[in-house]
C-alpha cells in the first residue's frame, strides 16, 4: 500500500488494514447482491423501450 511515512495523515496514525478490508468486502457483497436486481430492472426498461419504438439513441 502506501508508505509508512504517510500513515501520520490517517485517522489514528495507522492504515487500519483490517477495517479497510472489511469495508471493501462489505461493499463487494452488497454490490454482488444488488447487481441481479439492478440488471433485471435495466433489461426490463430496455426491452419495454424497444417494443414501444422510443428506444432509439
N, C-alpha and C. Protein backbone atom coordinates (compact mmCIF):
# COMPACT_ATOMS: atom_id res chain seq x y z
N UNK A 1 0.84 -1.18 0.00
CA UNK A 1 0.00 0.00 0.00
C UNK A 1 0.89 1.25 0.00
N UNK A 2 0.49 2.24 0.71
CA UNK A 2 1.23 3.50 0.74
C UNK A 2 2.37 3.43 1.74
N UNK A 3 3.35 4.32 1.59
CA UNK A 3 4.49 4.31 2.52
C UNK A 3 4.08 4.63 3.96
N UNK A 4 4.86 4.09 4.90
CA UNK A 4 4.57 4.32 6.32
C UNK A 4 4.69 5.78 6.70
N UNK A 5 5.45 6.55 5.95
CA UNK A 5 5.61 7.98 6.26
C UNK A 5 4.29 8.73 6.12
N UNK A 6 3.40 8.24 5.30
CA UNK A 6 2.10 8.90 5.10
C UNK A 6 1.04 8.44 6.10
N UNK A 7 1.36 7.45 6.91
CA UNK A 7 0.39 6.93 7.89
C UNK A 7 -0.01 8.00 8.90
N UNK A 8 0.85 8.97 9.15
CA UNK A 8 0.53 10.03 10.11
C UNK A 8 -0.65 10.87 9.70
N UNK A 9 -0.96 10.91 8.41
CA UNK A 9 -2.10 11.69 7.92
C UNK A 9 -3.42 10.95 8.09
N UNK A 10 -3.35 9.67 8.44
CA UNK A 10 -4.55 8.86 8.58
C UNK A 10 -5.13 8.97 9.99
N UNK A 11 -6.40 8.60 10.12
CA UNK A 11 -7.05 8.59 11.43
C UNK A 11 -6.35 7.55 12.30
N UNK A 12 -5.96 7.94 13.47
CA UNK A 12 -5.28 7.03 14.38
C UNK A 12 -3.82 6.79 14.02
N UNK A 13 -3.30 7.52 13.04
CA UNK A 13 -1.90 7.41 12.59
C UNK A 13 -1.53 6.00 12.18
N UNK A 14 -2.49 5.25 11.63
CA UNK A 14 -2.20 3.93 11.10
C UNK A 14 -3.11 3.67 9.90
N UNK A 15 -2.74 2.67 9.12
CA UNK A 15 -3.50 2.40 7.89
C UNK A 15 -4.80 1.65 8.16
N UNK A 16 -4.93 1.00 9.28
CA UNK A 16 -6.14 0.25 9.64
C UNK A 16 -6.53 -0.72 8.51
N UNK A 17 -5.62 -1.61 8.22
CA UNK A 17 -5.81 -2.54 7.09
C UNK A 17 -7.02 -3.45 7.29
N UNK A 18 -7.21 -3.95 8.49
CA UNK A 18 -8.33 -4.85 8.74
C UNK A 18 -9.67 -4.16 8.47
N UNK A 19 -9.81 -2.94 8.96
CA UNK A 19 -11.04 -2.19 8.73
C UNK A 19 -11.25 -1.91 7.24
N UNK A 20 -10.16 -1.59 6.55
CA UNK A 20 -10.24 -1.32 5.12
C UNK A 20 -10.71 -2.56 4.36
N UNK A 21 -10.13 -3.69 4.69
CA UNK A 21 -10.51 -4.94 4.03
C UNK A 21 -11.97 -5.29 4.32
N UNK A 22 -12.40 -5.08 5.57
CA UNK A 22 -13.79 -5.38 5.93
C UNK A 22 -14.77 -4.48 5.18
N UNK A 23 -14.47 -3.20 5.08
CA UNK A 23 -15.36 -2.27 4.39
C UNK A 23 -15.42 -2.60 2.89
N UNK A 24 -14.27 -2.86 2.28
CA UNK A 24 -14.26 -3.21 0.86
C UNK A 24 -15.00 -4.53 0.61
N UNK A 25 -14.82 -5.48 1.53
CA UNK A 25 -15.54 -6.75 1.41
C UNK A 25 -17.05 -6.56 1.52
N UNK A 26 -17.47 -5.70 2.45
CA UNK A 26 -18.90 -5.43 2.60
C UNK A 26 -19.47 -4.78 1.34
N UNK A 27 -18.73 -3.81 0.76
CA UNK A 27 -19.19 -3.18 -0.48
C UNK A 27 -19.30 -4.22 -1.60
N UNK A 28 -18.35 -5.15 -1.67
CA UNK A 28 -18.38 -6.18 -2.71
C UNK A 28 -19.61 -7.08 -2.54
N UNK A 29 -19.87 -7.49 -1.30
CA UNK A 29 -21.03 -8.36 -1.03
C UNK A 29 -22.33 -7.64 -1.37
N UNK A 30 -22.44 -6.40 -0.96
CA UNK A 30 -23.65 -5.62 -1.25
C UNK A 30 -23.81 -5.43 -2.75
N UNK A 31 -22.71 -5.14 -3.44
CA UNK A 31 -22.77 -4.95 -4.89
C UNK A 31 -23.19 -6.22 -5.61
N UNK A 32 -22.60 -7.35 -5.23
CA UNK A 32 -22.96 -8.61 -5.88
C UNK A 32 -24.41 -9.00 -5.56
N UNK A 33 -24.89 -8.66 -4.37
CA UNK A 33 -26.27 -8.98 -4.01
C UNK A 33 -27.26 -8.09 -4.77
N UNK A 34 -26.90 -6.83 -4.98
CA UNK A 34 -27.81 -5.89 -5.64
C UNK A 34 -27.74 -5.98 -7.17
N UNK A 35 -26.65 -6.48 -7.71
CA UNK A 35 -26.47 -6.48 -9.17
C UNK A 35 -27.58 -7.20 -9.93
N UNK A 36 -28.01 -8.39 -9.55
CA UNK A 36 -29.07 -9.05 -10.33
C UNK A 36 -30.36 -8.23 -10.42
N UNK A 37 -30.76 -7.63 -9.31
CA UNK A 37 -31.99 -6.84 -9.33
C UNK A 37 -31.83 -5.60 -10.21
N UNK A 38 -30.69 -4.95 -10.11
CA UNK A 38 -30.45 -3.75 -10.92
C UNK A 38 -30.40 -4.11 -12.40
N UNK A 39 -29.68 -5.17 -12.74
CA UNK A 39 -29.57 -5.58 -14.14
C UNK A 39 -30.91 -6.04 -14.70
N UNK A 40 -31.69 -6.73 -13.87
CA UNK A 40 -33.02 -7.16 -14.31
C UNK A 40 -33.90 -5.95 -14.61
N UNK A 41 -33.83 -4.95 -13.74
CA UNK A 41 -34.64 -3.74 -13.94
C UNK A 41 -34.20 -3.00 -15.21
N UNK A 42 -32.89 -2.91 -15.42
CA UNK A 42 -32.39 -2.24 -16.63
C UNK A 42 -32.82 -2.98 -17.89
N UNK A 43 -32.77 -4.31 -17.86
CA UNK A 43 -33.17 -5.10 -19.02
C UNK A 43 -34.66 -4.93 -19.29
N UNK A 44 -35.46 -4.86 -18.24
CA UNK A 44 -36.90 -4.68 -18.41
C UNK A 44 -37.20 -3.32 -19.06
N UNK A 45 -36.51 -2.29 -18.60
CA UNK A 45 -36.72 -0.95 -19.17
C UNK A 45 -36.29 -0.90 -20.62
N UNK A 46 -35.16 -1.53 -20.93
CA UNK A 46 -34.64 -1.52 -22.30
C UNK A 46 -35.58 -2.26 -23.24
N UNK A 47 -36.08 -3.42 -22.83
CA UNK A 47 -36.96 -4.18 -23.71
C UNK A 47 -38.30 -3.46 -23.89
N UNK A 48 -38.78 -2.80 -22.85
CA UNK A 48 -40.03 -2.05 -22.98
C UNK A 48 -39.87 -0.85 -23.90
N UNK A 49 -38.75 -0.17 -23.81
CA UNK A 49 -38.49 0.98 -24.67
C UNK A 49 -38.34 0.52 -26.12
N UNK A 50 -37.72 -0.61 -26.32
CA UNK A 50 -37.51 -1.10 -27.67
C UNK A 50 -38.84 -1.49 -28.32
N UNK A 51 -39.76 -2.09 -27.54
CA UNK A 51 -41.04 -2.52 -28.09
C UNK A 51 -41.91 -1.34 -28.45
N UNK A 52 -41.85 -0.25 -27.68
CA UNK A 52 -42.71 0.88 -27.96
C UNK A 52 -42.12 1.81 -29.02
N UNK A 53 -40.89 1.52 -29.47
CA UNK A 53 -40.29 2.32 -30.50
C UNK A 53 -39.63 3.58 -29.99
N UNK A 54 -39.57 3.79 -28.69
CA UNK A 54 -38.98 5.00 -28.14
C UNK A 54 -37.55 4.81 -27.68
N UNK A 55 -36.91 3.70 -28.03
CA UNK A 55 -35.59 3.40 -27.53
C UNK A 55 -34.46 3.80 -28.43
N UNK A 56 -34.69 4.54 -29.49
CA UNK A 56 -33.60 4.95 -30.38
C UNK A 56 -32.69 5.94 -29.68
N UNK A 57 -31.41 5.61 -29.67
CA UNK A 57 -30.45 6.51 -29.03
C UNK A 57 -29.29 6.72 -29.94
